[in-house]
PDB file of N, CA and C in Angstrom:
ATOM      1  N   MET A   1     -12.789 -13.580   2.695  1.00  0.00           N
ATOM      2  CA  MET A   1     -13.236 -12.438   3.482  1.00  0.00           C
ATOM      3  C   MET A   1     -13.414 -11.257   2.539  1.00  0.00           C
ATOM      4  N   PRO A   2     -14.600 -10.694   2.477  1.00  0.00           N
ATOM      5  CA  PRO A   2     -14.810  -9.541   1.599  1.00  0.00           C
ATOM      6  C   PRO A   2     -14.098  -8.307   2.157  1.00  0.00           C
ATOM      7  N   ASP A   3     -13.972  -7.288   1.317  1.00  0.00           N
ATOM      8  CA  ASP A   3     -13.372  -6.046   1.802  1.00  0.00           C
ATOM      9  C   ASP A   3     -14.261  -5.451   2.882  1.00  0.00           C
ATOM     10  N   ILE A   4     -13.679  -5.267   4.041  1.00  0.00           N
ATOM     11  CA  ILE A   4     -14.403  -4.746   5.199  1.00  0.00           C
ATOM     12  C   ILE A   4     -13.638  -3.532   5.698  1.00  0.00           C
ATOM     13  N   SER A   5     -14.340  -2.467   5.974  1.00  0.00           N
ATOM     14  CA  SER A   5     -13.649  -1.319   6.552  1.00  0.00           C
ATOM     15  C   SER A   5     -13.471  -1.585   8.049  1.00  0.00           C
ATOM     16  N   PRO A   6     -12.392  -1.062   8.622  1.00  0.00           N
ATOM     17  CA  PRO A   6     -12.111  -1.330  10.038  1.00  0.00           C
ATOM     18  C   PRO A   6     -13.255  -0.974  10.976  1.00  0.00           C
ATOM     19  N   ASP A   7     -13.979   0.097  10.674  1.00  0.00           N
ATOM     20  CA  ASP A   7     -15.058   0.493  11.583  1.00  0.00           C
ATOM     21  C   ASP A   7     -16.211  -0.511  11.569  1.00  0.00           C
ATOM     22  N   GLN A   8     -16.204  -1.432  10.621  1.00  0.00           N
ATOM     23  CA  GLN A   8     -17.215  -2.488  10.608  1.00  0.00           C
ATOM     24  C   GLN A   8     -16.759  -3.686  11.445  1.00  0.00           C
ATOM     25  N   ASP A   9     -15.522  -3.646  11.928  1.00  0.00           N
ATOM     26  CA  ASP A   9     -14.983  -4.760  12.689  1.00  0.00           C
ATOM     27  C   ASP A   9     -14.309  -4.259  13.970  1.00  0.00           C
ATOM     28  N   LEU A  10     -14.965  -3.335  14.629  1.00  0.00           N
ATOM     29  CA  LEU A  10     -14.483  -2.845  15.919  1.00  0.00           C
ATOM     30  C   LEU A  10     -15.687  -2.345  16.711  1.00  0.00           C
ATOM     31  N   ASP A  11     -16.071  -3.126  17.697  1.00  0.00           N
ATOM     32  CA  ASP A  11     -17.220  -2.792  18.529  1.00  0.00           C
ATOM     33  C   ASP A  11     -16.790  -2.955  19.986  1.00  0.00           C
ATOM     34  N   LEU A  12     -16.618  -1.853  20.660  1.00  0.00           N
ATOM     35  CA  LEU A  12     -16.107  -1.882  22.030  1.00  0.00           C
ATOM     36  C   LEU A  12     -17.213  -1.986  23.080  1.00  0.00           C
ATOM     37  N   SER A  13     -18.409  -2.365  22.660  1.00  0.00           N
ATOM     38  CA  SER A  13     -19.538  -2.471  23.592  1.00  0.00           C
ATOM     39  C   SER A  13     -19.222  -3.370  24.778  1.00  0.00           C
ATOM     40  N   PHE A  14     -18.638  -4.532  24.516  1.00  0.00           N
ATOM     41  CA  PHE A  14     -18.326  -5.477  25.587  1.00  0.00           C
ATOM     42  C   PHE A  14     -17.294  -4.880  26.539  1.00  0.00           C
ATOM     43  N   LEU A  15     -16.270  -4.254  25.993  1.00  0.00           N
ATOM     44  CA  LEU A  15     -15.242  -3.624  26.832  1.00  0.00           C
ATOM     45  C   LEU A  15     -15.870  -2.561  27.732  1.00  0.00           C
ATOM     46  N   TYR A  16     -16.704  -1.705  27.159  1.00  0.00           N
ATOM     47  CA  TYR A  16     -17.343  -0.649  27.950  1.00  0.00           C
ATOM     48  C   TYR A  16     -18.291  -1.236  28.995  1.00  0.00           C
ATOM     49  N   GLU A  17     -18.954  -2.325  28.634  1.00  0.00           N
ATOM     50  CA  GLU A  17     -19.879  -2.966  29.567  1.00  0.00           C
ATOM     51  C   GLU A  17     -19.130  -3.502  30.796  1.00  0.00           C
ATOM     52  N   ILE A  18     -18.055  -4.222  30.571  1.00  0.00           N
ATOM     53  CA  ILE A  18     -17.342  -4.788  31.719  1.00  0.00           C
ATOM     54  C   ILE A  18     -16.515  -3.739  32.457  1.00  0.00           C
ATOM     55  N   ALA A  19     -16.214  -2.625  31.781  1.00  0.00           N
ATOM     56  CA  ALA A  19     -15.478  -1.538  32.445  1.00  0.00           C
ATOM     57  C   ALA A  19     -16.364  -0.846  33.480  1.00  0.00           C
ATOM     58  N   ASP A  20     -17.666  -0.924  33.276  1.00  0.00           N
ATOM     59  CA  ASP A  20     -18.632  -0.359  34.217  1.00  0.00           C
ATOM     60  C   ASP A  20     -18.287   1.087  34.585  1.00  0.00           C
ATOM     61  N   GLY A  21     -17.982   1.888  33.552  1.00  0.00           N
ATOM     62  CA  GLY A  21     -17.718   3.305  33.769  1.00  0.00           C
ATOM     63  C   GLY A  21     -16.284   3.640  34.127  1.00  0.00           C
ATOM     64  N   SER A  22     -15.420   2.668  34.219  1.00  0.00           N
ATOM     65  CA  SER A  22     -14.029   2.910  34.603  1.00  0.00           C
ATOM     66  C   SER A  22     -13.154   3.189  33.379  1.00  0.00           C
ATOM     67  N   ASP A  23     -12.819   4.476  33.198  1.00  0.00           N
ATOM     68  CA  ASP A  23     -11.918   4.823  32.104  1.00  0.00           C
ATOM     69  C   ASP A  23     -10.543   4.195  32.326  1.00  0.00           C
ATOM     70  N   GLU A  24     -10.143   4.043  33.575  1.00  0.00           N
ATOM     71  CA  GLU A  24      -8.843   3.434  33.881  1.00  0.00           C
ATOM     72  C   GLU A  24      -8.790   2.005  33.344  1.00  0.00           C
ATOM     73  N   PHE A  25      -9.875   1.242  33.532  1.00  0.00           N
ATOM     74  CA  PHE A  25      -9.935  -0.129  33.026  1.00  0.00           C
ATOM     75  C   PHE A  25      -9.835  -0.141  31.509  1.00  0.00           C
ATOM     76  N   ILE A  26     -10.547   0.773  30.857  1.00  0.00           N
ATOM     77  CA  ILE A  26     -10.523   0.853  29.397  1.00  0.00           C
ATOM     78  C   ILE A  26      -9.117   1.183  28.911  1.00  0.00           C
ATOM     79  N   VAL A  27      -8.486   2.167  29.541  1.00  0.00           N
ATOM     80  CA  VAL A  27      -7.129   2.572  29.157  1.00  0.00           C
ATOM     81  C   VAL A  27      -6.151   1.411  29.338  1.00  0.00           C
ATOM     82  N   GLU A  28      -6.246   0.712  30.464  1.00  0.00           N
ATOM     83  CA  GLU A  28      -5.335  -0.413  30.723  1.00  0.00           C
ATOM     84  C   GLU A  28      -5.586  -1.558  29.737  1.00  0.00           C
ATOM     85  N   SER A  29      -6.845  -1.855  29.471  1.00  0.00           N
ATOM     86  CA  SER A  29      -7.172  -2.947  28.548  1.00  0.00           C
ATOM     87  C   SER A  29      -6.679  -2.636  27.141  1.00  0.00           C
ATOM     88  N   ILE A  30      -6.946  -1.429  26.684  1.00  0.00           N
ATOM     89  CA  ILE A  30      -6.477  -1.031  25.350  1.00  0.00           C
ATOM     90  C   ILE A  30      -4.952  -1.041  25.318  1.00  0.00           C
ATOM     91  N   GLY A  31      -4.322  -0.572  26.387  1.00  0.00           N
ATOM     92  CA  GLY A  31      -2.859  -0.563  26.459  1.00  0.00           C
ATOM     93  C   GLY A  31      -2.275  -1.960  26.301  1.00  0.00           C
ATOM     94  N   MET A  32      -2.869  -2.934  26.989  1.00  0.00           N
ATOM     95  CA  MET A  32      -2.392  -4.320  26.866  1.00  0.00           C
ATOM     96  C   MET A  32      -2.581  -4.831  25.434  1.00  0.00           C
ATOM     97  N   PHE A  33      -3.721  -4.525  24.836  1.00  0.00           N
ATOM     98  CA  PHE A  33      -3.992  -4.953  23.470  1.00  0.00           C
ATOM     99  C   PHE A  33      -2.975  -4.332  22.505  1.00  0.00           C
ATOM    100  N   LEU A  34      -2.688  -3.037  22.705  1.00  0.00           N
ATOM    101  CA  LEU A  34      -1.733  -2.337  21.842  1.00  0.00           C
ATOM    102  C   LEU A  34      -0.323  -2.897  22.000  1.00  0.00           C
ATOM    103  N   GLU A  35      -0.022  -3.424  23.157  1.00  0.00           N
ATOM    104  CA  GLU A  35       1.303  -4.002  23.405  1.00  0.00           C
ATOM    105  C   GLU A  35       1.395  -5.427  22.840  1.00  0.00           C
ATOM    106  N   GLN A  36       0.374  -6.231  23.097  1.00  0.00           N
ATOM    107  CA  GLN A  36       0.423  -7.650  22.739  1.00  0.00           C
ATOM    108  C   GLN A  36       0.158  -7.916  21.257  1.00  0.00           C
ATOM    109  N   THR A  37      -0.746  -7.178  20.666  1.00  0.00           N
ATOM    110  CA  THR A  37      -1.173  -7.475  19.297  1.00  0.00           C
ATOM    111  C   THR A  37      -0.052  -7.352  18.273  1.00  0.00           C
ATOM    112  N   PRO A  38       0.726  -6.264  18.267  1.00  0.00           N
ATOM    113  CA  PRO A  38       1.828  -6.203  17.292  1.00  0.00           C
ATOM    114  C   PRO A  38       2.828  -7.353  17.473  1.00  0.00           C
ATOM    115  N   GLN A  39       3.056  -7.765  18.708  1.00  0.00           N
ATOM    116  CA  GLN A  39       3.959  -8.892  18.954  1.00  0.00           C
ATOM    117  C   GLN A  39       3.389 -10.172  18.343  1.00  0.00           C
ATOM    118  N   LEU A  40       2.099 -10.403  18.540  1.00  0.00           N
ATOM    119  CA  LEU A  40       1.463 -11.594  17.973  1.00  0.00           C
ATOM    120  C   LEU A  40       1.456 -11.550  16.443  1.00  0.00           C
ATOM    121  N   ILE A  41       1.210 -10.377  15.888  1.00  0.00           N
ATOM    122  CA  ILE A  41       1.236 -10.227  14.430  1.00  0.00           C
ATOM    123  C   ILE A  41       2.618 -10.586  13.890  1.00  0.00           C
ATOM    124  N   THR A  42       3.656 -10.090  14.553  1.00  0.00           N
ATOM    125  CA  THR A  42       5.029 -10.388  14.138  1.00  0.00           C
ATOM    126  C   THR A  42       5.326 -11.879  14.256  1.00  0.00           C
ATOM    127  N   THR A  43       4.890 -12.478  15.364  1.00  0.00           N
ATOM    128  CA  THR A  43       5.111 -13.913  15.564  1.00  0.00           C
ATOM    129  C   THR A  43       4.445 -14.723  14.457  1.00  0.00           C
ATOM    130  N   ILE A  44       3.200 -14.385  14.136  1.00  0.00           N
ATOM    131  CA  ILE A  44       2.477 -15.117  13.089  1.00  0.00           C
ATOM    132  C   ILE A  44       3.135 -14.884  11.724  1.00  0.00           C
ATOM    133  N   THR A  45       3.485 -13.640  11.439  1.00  0.00           N
ATOM    134  CA  THR A  45       4.137 -13.312  10.169  1.00  0.00           C
ATOM    135  C   THR A  45       5.405 -14.133   9.988  1.00  0.00           C
ATOM    136  N   ASP A  46       6.248 -14.143  11.015  1.00  0.00           N
ATOM    137  CA  ASP A  46       7.512 -14.888  10.954  1.00  0.00           C
ATOM    138  C   ASP A  46       7.266 -16.389  10.832  1.00  0.00           C
ATOM    139  N   ALA A  47       6.309 -16.900  11.606  1.00  0.00           N
ATOM    140  CA  ALA A  47       6.015 -18.337  11.570  1.00  0.00           C
ATOM    141  C   ALA A  47       5.516 -18.751  10.187  1.00  0.00           C
ATOM    142  N   LEU A  48       4.643 -17.955   9.593  1.00  0.00           N
ATOM    143  CA  LEU A  48       4.140 -18.280   8.261  1.00  0.00           C
ATOM    144  C   LEU A  48       5.264 -18.228   7.228  1.00  0.00           C
ATOM    145  N   ALA A  49       6.126 -17.235   7.353  1.00  0.00           N
ATOM    146  CA  ALA A  49       7.249 -17.110   6.416  1.00  0.00           C
ATOM    147  C   ALA A  49       8.196 -18.302   6.512  1.00  0.00           C
ATOM    148  N   ASN A  50       8.328 -18.857   7.710  1.00  0.00           N
ATOM    149  CA  ASN A  50       9.236 -19.983   7.945  1.00  0.00           C
ATOM    150  C   ASN A  50       8.555 -21.345   7.830  1.00  0.00           C
ATOM    151  N   GLY A  51       7.261 -21.341   7.552  1.00  0.00           N
ATOM    152  CA  GLY A  51       6.528 -22.601   7.458  1.00  0.00           C
ATOM    153  C   GLY A  51       6.369 -23.298   8.798  1.00  0.00           C
ATOM    154  N   ASP A  52       6.444 -22.519   9.876  1.00  0.00           N
ATOM    155  CA  ASP A  52       6.270 -23.078  11.228  1.00  0.00           C
ATOM    156  C   ASP A  52       4.777 -23.017  11.567  1.00  0.00           C
ATOM    157  N   TRP A  53       4.039 -23.981  11.064  1.00  0.00           N
ATOM    158  CA  TRP A  53       2.577 -23.970  11.166  1.00  0.00           C
ATOM    159  C   TRP A  53       2.105 -24.105  12.611  1.00  0.00           C
ATOM    160  N   ASN A  54       2.835 -24.850  13.418  1.00  0.00           N
ATOM    161  CA  ASN A  54       2.458 -25.007  14.826  1.00  0.00           C
ATOM    162  C   ASN A  54       2.552 -23.667  15.555  1.00  0.00           C
ATOM    163  N   GLU A  55       3.634 -22.951  15.359  1.00  0.00           N
ATOM    164  CA  GLU A  55       3.810 -21.638  16.000  1.00  0.00           C
ATOM    165  C   GLU A  55       2.757 -20.650  15.498  1.00  0.00           C
ATOM    166  N   ALA A  56       2.485 -20.698  14.204  1.00  0.00           N
ATOM    167  CA  ALA A  56       1.458 -19.810  13.639  1.00  0.00           C
ATOM    168  C   ALA A  56       0.094 -20.112  14.245  1.00  0.00           C
ATOM    169  N   ALA A  57      -0.207 -21.390  14.435  1.00  0.00           N
ATOM    170  CA  ALA A  57      -1.493 -21.784  15.029  1.00  0.00           C
ATOM    171  C   ALA A  57      -1.580 -21.324  16.476  1.00  0.00           C
ATOM    172  N   LEU A  58      -0.508 -21.494  17.240  1.00  0.00           N
ATOM    173  CA  LEU A  58      -0.508 -21.093  18.651  1.00  0.00           C
ATOM    174  C   LEU A  58      -0.705 -19.580  18.800  1.00  0.00           C
ATOM    175  N   ALA A  59       0.029 -18.811  18.024  1.00  0.00           N
ATOM    176  CA  ALA A  59      -0.085 -17.346  18.105  1.00  0.00           C
ATOM    177  C   ALA A  59      -1.448 -16.879  17.589  1.00  0.00           C
ATOM    178  N   SER A  60      -1.971 -17.540  16.573  1.00  0.00           N
ATOM    179  CA  SER A  60      -3.303 -17.192  16.060  1.00  0.00           C
ATOM    180  C   SER A  60      -4.363 -17.447  17.121  1.00  0.00           C
ATOM    181  N   HIS A  61      -4.193 -18.527  17.860  1.00  0.00           N
ATOM    182  CA  HIS A  61      -5.136 -18.851  18.936  1.00  0.00           C
ATOM    183  C   HIS A  61      -5.137 -17.752  20.006  1.00  0.00           C
ATOM    184  N   LYS A  62      -3.958 -17.289  20.383  1.00  0.00           N
ATOM    185  CA  LYS A  62      -3.856 -16.212  21.387  1.00  0.00           C
ATOM    186  C   LYS A  62      -4.496 -14.929  20.866  1.00  0.00           C
ATOM    187  N   LEU A  63      -4.224 -14.613  19.616  1.00  0.00           N
ATOM    188  CA  LEU A  63      -4.775 -13.397  19.019  1.00  0.00           C
ATOM    189  C   LEU A  63      -6.296 -13.476  18.925  1.00  0.00           C
ATOM    190  N   LYS A  64      -6.808 -14.659  18.621  1.00  0.00           N
ATOM    191  CA  LYS A  64      -8.258 -14.858  18.456  1.00  0.00           C
ATOM    192  C   LYS A  64      -9.025 -14.423  19.706  1.00  0.00           C
ATOM    193  N   ALA A  65      -8.528 -14.793  20.866  1.00  0.00           N
ATOM    194  CA  ALA A  65      -9.204 -14.423  22.118  1.00  0.00           C
ATOM    195  C   ALA A  65      -9.232 -12.905  22.301  1.00  0.00           C
ATOM    196  N   ASN A  66      -8.131 -12.253  22.008  1.00  0.00           N
ATOM    197  CA  ASN A  66      -8.064 -10.797  22.144  1.00  0.00           C
ATOM    198  C   ASN A  66      -9.036 -10.102  21.202  1.00  0.00           C
ATOM    199  N   LEU A  67      -9.172 -10.624  20.008  1.00  0.00           N
ATOM    200  CA  LEU A  67     -10.059 -10.009  19.018  1.00  0.00           C
ATOM    201  C   LEU A  67     -11.512 -10.089  19.461  1.00  0.00           C
ATOM    202  N   GLY A  68     -11.877 -11.169  20.108  1.00  0.00           N
ATOM    203  CA  GLY A  68     -13.239 -11.301  20.617  1.00  0.00           C
ATOM    204  C   GLY A  68     -13.531 -10.292  21.701  1.00  0.00           C
ATOM    205  N   PHE A  69     -12.579 -10.099  22.574  1.00  0.00           N
ATOM    206  CA  PHE A  69     -12.729  -9.162  23.681  1.00  0.00           C
ATOM    207  C   PHE A  69     -12.920  -7.731  23.170  1.00  0.00           C
ATOM    208  N   PHE A  70     -12.277  -7.423  22.044  1.00  0.00           N
ATOM    209  CA  PHE A  70     -12.355  -6.072  21.494  1.00  0.00           C
ATOM    210  C   PHE A  70     -13.356  -5.941  20.353  1.00  0.00           C
ATOM    211  N   GLY A  71     -14.274  -6.871  20.256  1.00  0.00           N
ATOM    212  CA  GLY A  71     -15.376  -6.736  19.309  1.00  0.00           C
ATOM    213  C   GLY A  71     -14.946  -6.691  17.861  1.00  0.00           C
ATOM    214  N   MET A  72     -14.079  -7.616  17.487  1.00  0.00           N
ATOM    215  CA  MET A  72     -13.636  -7.715  16.095  1.00  0.00           C
ATOM    216  C   MET A  72     -14.023  -9.101  15.557  1.00  0.00           C
ATOM    217  N   PRO A  73     -15.326  -9.349  15.380  1.00  0.00           N
ATOM    218  CA  PRO A  73     -15.781 -10.695  15.019  1.00  0.00           C
ATOM    219  C   PRO A  73     -15.321 -11.171  13.643  1.00  0.00           C
ATOM    220  N   ILE A  74     -15.188 -10.271  12.705  1.00  0.00           N
ATOM    221  CA  ILE A  74     -14.760 -10.666  11.360  1.00  0.00           C
ATOM    222  C   ILE A  74     -13.300 -11.122  11.401  1.00  0.00           C
ATOM    223  N   SER A  75     -12.463 -10.312  12.032  1.00  0.00           N
ATOM    224  CA  SER A  75     -11.052 -10.673  12.171  1.00  0.00           C
ATOM    225  C   SER A  75     -10.905 -11.932  13.018  1.00  0.00           C
ATOM    226  N   GLN A  76     -11.722 -12.038  14.056  1.00  0.00           N
ATOM    227  CA  GLN A  76     -11.662 -13.200  14.937  1.00  0.00           C
ATOM    228  C   GLN A  76     -11.995 -14.475  14.157  1.00  0.00           C
ATOM    229  N   ALA A  77     -13.032 -14.447  13.344  1.00  0.00           N
ATOM    230  CA  ALA A  77     -13.418 -15.624  12.563  1.00  0.00           C
ATOM    231  C   ALA A  77     -12.337 -15.978  11.543  1.00  0.00           C
ATOM    232  N   THR A  78     -11.742 -14.975  10.938  1.00  0.00           N
ATOM    233  CA  THR A  78     -10.718 -15.233   9.926  1.00  0.00           C
ATOM    234  C   THR A  78      -9.438 -15.766  10.553  1.00  0.00           C
ATOM    235  N   ILE A  79      -9.043 -15.219  11.712  1.00  0.00           N
ATOM    236  CA  ILE A  79      -7.826 -15.726  12.353  1.00  0.00           C
ATOM    237  C   ILE A  79      -8.060 -17.143  12.874  1.00  0.00           C
ATOM    238  N   GLN A  80      -9.303 -17.464  13.209  1.00  0.00           N
ATOM    239  CA  GLN A  80      -9.611 -18.841  13.600  1.00  0.00           C
ATOM    240  C   GLN A  80      -9.424 -19.780  12.398  1.00  0.00           C
ATOM    241  N   GLU A  81      -9.794 -19.322  11.220  1.00  0.00           N
ATOM    242  CA  GLU A  81      -9.561 -20.127  10.013  1.00  0.00           C
ATOM    243  C   GLU A  81      -8.064 -20.342   9.802  1.00  0.00           C
ATOM    244  N   VAL A  82      -7.280 -19.286  10.027  1.00  0.00           N
ATOM    245  CA  VAL A  82      -5.822 -19.401   9.910  1.00  0.00           C
ATOM    246  C   VAL A  82      -5.317 -20.444  10.903  1.00  0.00           C
ATOM    247  N   GLU A  83      -5.773 -20.324  12.142  1.00  0.00           N
ATOM    248  CA  GLU A  83      -5.363 -21.273  13.189  1.00  0.00           C
ATOM    249  C   GLU A  83      -5.687 -22.713  12.783  1.00  0.00           C
ATOM    250  N   LEU A  84      -6.929 -22.938  12.377  1.00  0.00           N
ATOM    251  CA  LEU A  84      -7.365 -24.292  12.030  1.00  0.00           C
ATOM    252  C   LEU A  84      -6.648 -24.824  10.791  1.00  0.00           C
ATOM    253  N   ASP A  85      -6.443 -23.962   9.806  1.00  0.00           N
ATOM    254  CA  ASP A  85      -5.721 -24.377   8.598  1.00  0.00           C
ATOM    255  C   ASP A  85      -4.283 -24.762   8.931  1.00  0.00           C
ATOM    256  N   CYS A  86      -3.652 -24.016   9.821  1.00  0.00           N
ATOM    257  CA  CYS A  86      -2.280 -24.329  10.231  1.00  0.00           C
ATOM    258  C   CYS A  86      -2.243 -25.654  10.992  1.00  0.00           C
ATOM    259  N   LYS A  87      -3.205 -25.849  11.892  1.00  0.00           N
ATOM    260  CA  LYS A  87      -3.267 -27.096  12.657  1.00  0.00           C
ATOM    261  C   LYS A  87      -3.513 -28.306  11.749  1.00  0.00           C
ATOM    262  N   ALA A  88      -4.220 -28.079  10.644  1.00  0.00           N
ATOM    263  CA  ALA A  88      -4.567 -29.167   9.727  1.00  0.00           C
ATOM    264  C   ALA A  88      -3.437 -29.498   8.744  1.00  0.00           C
ATOM    265  N   GLY A  89      -2.288 -28.850   8.925  1.00  0.00           N
ATOM    266  CA  GLY A  89      -1.152 -29.178   8.073  1.00  0.00           C
ATOM    267  C   GLY A  89      -0.877 -28.191   6.959  1.00  0.00           C
ATOM    268  N   ALA A  90      -1.563 -27.103   6.945  1.00  0.00           N
ATOM    269  CA  ALA A  90      -1.306 -26.017   5.987  1.00  0.00           C
ATOM    270  C   ALA A  90      -1.256 -26.518   4.545  1.00  0.00           C
ATOM    271  N   GLU A  91      -2.343 -27.117   4.108  1.00  0.00           N
ATOM    272  CA  GLU A  91      -2.394 -27.648   2.751  1.00  0.00           C
ATOM    273  C   GLU A  91      -2.321 -26.560   1.681  1.00  0.00           C
ATOM    274  N   ASN A  92      -2.795 -25.353   2.016  1.00  0.00           N
ATOM    275  CA  ASN A  92      -2.754 -24.248   1.061  1.00  0.00           C
ATOM    276  C   ASN A  92      -2.121 -23.015   1.727  1.00  0.00           C
ATOM    277  N   PRO A  93      -0.789 -23.001   1.795  1.00  0.00           N
ATOM    278  CA  PRO A  93      -0.100 -21.893   2.477  1.00  0.00           C
ATOM    279  C   PRO A  93      -0.443 -20.511   1.915  1.00  0.00           C
ATOM    280  N   ALA A  94      -0.609 -20.406   0.606  1.00  0.00           N
ATOM    281  CA  ALA A  94      -0.915 -19.103   0.011  1.00  0.00           C
ATOM    282  C   ALA A  94      -2.261 -18.580   0.510  1.00  0.00           C
ATOM    283  N   GLU A  95      -3.233 -19.462   0.669  1.00  0.00           N
ATOM    284  CA  GLU A  95      -4.548 -19.057   1.171  1.00  0.00           C
ATOM    285  C   GLU A  95      -4.452 -18.628   2.637  1.00  0.00           C
ATOM    286  N   ILE A  96      -3.675 -19.357   3.415  1.00  0.00           N
ATOM    287  CA  ILE A  96      -3.485 -19.010   4.828  1.00  0.00           C
ATOM    288  C   ILE A  96      -2.857 -17.624   4.942  1.00  0.00           C
ATOM    289  N   ILE A  97      -1.832 -17.389   4.162  1.00  0.00           N
ATOM    290  CA  ILE A  97      -1.146 -16.095   4.200  1.00  0.00           C
ATOM    291  C   ILE A  97      -2.088 -14.982   3.751  1.00  0.00           C
ATOM    292  N   ALA A  98      -2.891 -15.229   2.723  1.00  0.00           N
ATOM    293  CA  ALA A  98      -3.848 -14.216   2.246  1.00  0.00           C
ATOM    294  C   ALA A  98      -4.865 -13.886   3.331  1.00  0.00           C
ATOM    295  N   LYS A  99      -5.379 -14.901   4.010  1.00  0.00           N
ATOM    296  CA  LYS A  99      -6.334 -14.663   5.107  1.00  0.00           C
ATOM    297  C   LYS A  99      -5.680 -13.859   6.218  1.00  0.00           C
ATOM    298  N   PHE A 100      -4.463 -14.248   6.578  1.00  0.00           N
ATOM    299  CA  PHE A 100      -3.770 -13.533   7.646  1.00  0.00           C
ATOM    300  C   PHE A 100      -3.514 -12.085   7.250  1.00  0.00           C
ATOM    301  N   ASN A 101      -3.151 -11.853   6.000  1.00  0.00           N
ATOM    302  CA  ASN A 101      -2.892 -10.478   5.561  1.00  0.00           C
ATOM    303  C   ASN A 101      -4.151  -9.615   5.633  1.00  0.00           C
ATOM    304  N   GLN A 102      -5.321 -10.217   5.387  1.00  0.00           N
ATOM    305  CA  GLN A 102      -6.573  -9.477   5.529  1.00  0.00           C
ATOM    306  C   GLN A 102      -6.791  -9.081   6.991  1.00  0.00           C
ATOM    307  N   VAL A 103      -6.538 -10.019   7.888  1.00  0.00           N
ATOM    308  CA  VAL A 103      -6.671  -9.728   9.315  1.00  0.00           C
ATOM    309  C   VAL A 103      -5.683  -8.636   9.714  1.00  0.00           C
ATOM    310  N   LYS A 104      -4.463  -8.771   9.247  1.00  0.00           N
ATOM    311  CA  LYS A 104      -3.416  -7.809   9.608  1.00  0.00           C
ATOM    312  C   LYS A 104      -3.780  -6.396   9.147  1.00  0.00           C
ATOM    313  N   THR A 105      -4.342  -6.286   7.959  1.00  0.00           N
ATOM    314  CA  THR A 105      -4.747  -4.977   7.433  1.00  0.00           C
ATOM    315  C   THR A 105      -5.818  -4.341   8.325  1.00  0.00           C
ATOM    316  N   LEU A 106      -6.837  -5.118   8.662  1.00  0.00           N
ATOM    317  CA  LEU A 106      -7.890  -4.608   9.537  1.00  0.00           C
ATOM    318  C   LEU A 106      -7.328  -4.250  10.915  1.00  0.00           C
ATOM    319  N   LEU A 107      -6.499  -5.127  11.435  1.00  0.00           N
ATOM    320  CA  LEU A 107      -5.938  -4.899  12.768  1.00  0.00           C
ATOM    321  C   LEU A 107      -5.087  -3.646  12.828  1.00  0.00           C
ATOM    322  N   ASN A 108      -4.270  -3.430  11.820  1.00  0.00           N
ATOM    323  CA  ASN A 108      -3.421  -2.242  11.823  1.00  0.00           C
ATOM    324  C   ASN A 108      -4.255  -0.965  11.851  1.00  0.00           C
ATOM    325  N   ALA A 109      -5.358  -0.950  11.124  1.00  0.00           N
ATOM    326  CA  ALA A 109      -6.252   0.207  11.151  1.00  0.00           C
ATOM    327  C   ALA A 109      -6.926   0.332  12.516  1.00  0.00           C
ATOM    328  N   ASN A 110      -7.346  -0.801  13.084  1.00  0.00           N
ATOM    329  CA  ASN A 110      -8.005  -0.767  14.393  1.00  0.00           C
ATOM    330  C   ASN A 110      -7.032  -0.360  15.499  1.00  0.00           C
ATOM    331  N   LEU A 111      -5.762  -0.704  15.363  1.00  0.00           N
ATOM    332  CA  LEU A 111      -4.771  -0.284  16.357  1.00  0.00           C
ATOM    333  C   LEU A 111      -4.662   1.235  16.405  1.00  0.00           C
ATOM    334  N   ILE A 112      -4.741   1.857  15.243  1.00  0.00           N
ATOM    335  CA  ILE A 112      -4.698   3.323  15.189  1.00  0.00           C
ATOM    336  C   ILE A 112      -5.907   3.900  15.907  1.00  0.00           C
ATOM    337  N   THR A 113      -7.084   3.351  15.632  1.00  0.00           N
ATOM    338  CA  THR A 113      -8.311   3.817  16.280  1.00  0.00           C
ATOM    339  C   THR A 113      -8.224   3.617  17.796  1.00  0.00           C
ATOM    340  N   LEU A 114      -7.739   2.463  18.224  1.00  0.00           N
ATOM    341  CA  LEU A 114      -7.631   2.188  19.658  1.00  0.00           C
ATOM    342  C   LEU A 114      -6.629   3.110  20.336  1.00  0.00           C
ATOM    343  N   LYS A 115      -5.553   3.448  19.652  1.00  0.00           N
ATOM    344  CA  LYS A 115      -4.588   4.412  20.213  1.00  0.00           C
ATOM    345  C   LYS A 115      -5.271   5.757  20.437  1.00  0.00           C
ATOM    346  N   GLN A 116      -6.094   6.169  19.464  1.00  0.00           N
ATOM    347  CA  GLN A 116      -6.809   7.445  19.577  1.00  0.00           C
ATOM    348  C   GLN A 116      -7.785   7.408  20.750  1.00  0.00           C
ATOM    349  N   ILE A 117      -8.522   6.326  20.888  1.00  0.00           N
ATOM    350  CA  ILE A 117      -9.481   6.194  21.996  1.00  0.00           C
ATOM    351  C   ILE A 117      -8.737   6.243  23.325  1.00  0.00           C
ATOM    352  N   ARG A 118      -7.636   5.530  23.396  1.00  0.00           N
ATOM    353  CA  ARG A 118      -6.834   5.506  24.634  1.00  0.00           C
ATOM    354  C   ARG A 118      -6.337   6.918  24.991  1.00  0.00           C
ATOM    355  N   GLU A 119      -5.834   7.618  23.999  1.00  0.00           N
ATOM    356  CA  GLU A 119      -5.338   8.982  24.227  1.00  0.00           C
ATOM    357  C   GLU A 119      -6.452   9.894  24.727  1.00  0.00           C
ATOM    358  N   GLU A 120      -7.635   9.770  24.125  1.00  0.00           N
ATOM    359  CA  GLU A 120      -8.772  10.594  24.550  1.00  0.00           C
ATOM    360  C   GLU A 120      -9.147  10.298  25.997  1.00  0.00           C
ATOM    361  N   LYS A 121      -9.121   9.008  26.366  1.00  0.00           N
ATOM    362  CA  LYS A 121      -9.458   8.620  27.745  1.00  0.00           C
ATOM    363  C   LYS A 121      -8.403   9.117  28.726  1.00  0.00           C
ATOM    364  N   LEU A 122      -7.145   9.123  28.298  1.00  0.00           N
ATOM    365  CA  LEU A 122      -6.075   9.591  29.180  1.00  0.00           C
ATOM    366  C   LEU A 122      -6.194  11.106  29.442  1.00  0.00           C
ATOM    367  N   LYS A 123      -6.699  11.842  28.466  1.00  0.00           N
ATOM    368  CA  LYS A 123      -6.852  13.296  28.608  1.00  0.00           C
ATOM    369  C   LYS A 123      -8.076  13.659  29.451  1.00  0.00           C
ATOM    370  N   ALA A 124      -9.050  12.755  29.486  1.00  0.00           N
ATOM    371  CA  ALA A 124     -10.309  13.049  30.178  1.00  0.00           C
ATOM    372  C   ALA A 124     -10.138  13.125  31.684  1.00  0.00           C
TER     373      ALA A 124
END
């Protein structure tokens, strides 16, 4: 995965489309993402550290769906690689961890942006 800035991997068009003008829906959706994503990141981090490839694959799968919903196709594709590599027996753990760390870096930046968007919507 090349160096990608977070703003190149965050497109909320789909969220806004299905929200159909409802700021409440956007706030609730972002709130759920902000709650669930750090938990999934922690689960994957711990699973990778412990060599629990099945747990890492399961949590990566859950995270993958959320990333698609929030318009993060680069992170979504990379976490899918993590998921598939873990399911395949984790032949190259260092590569899996490197891919996950790239996703984590982008996600942490996007979480900050999403918090800001949520706050702005709450004030509106």
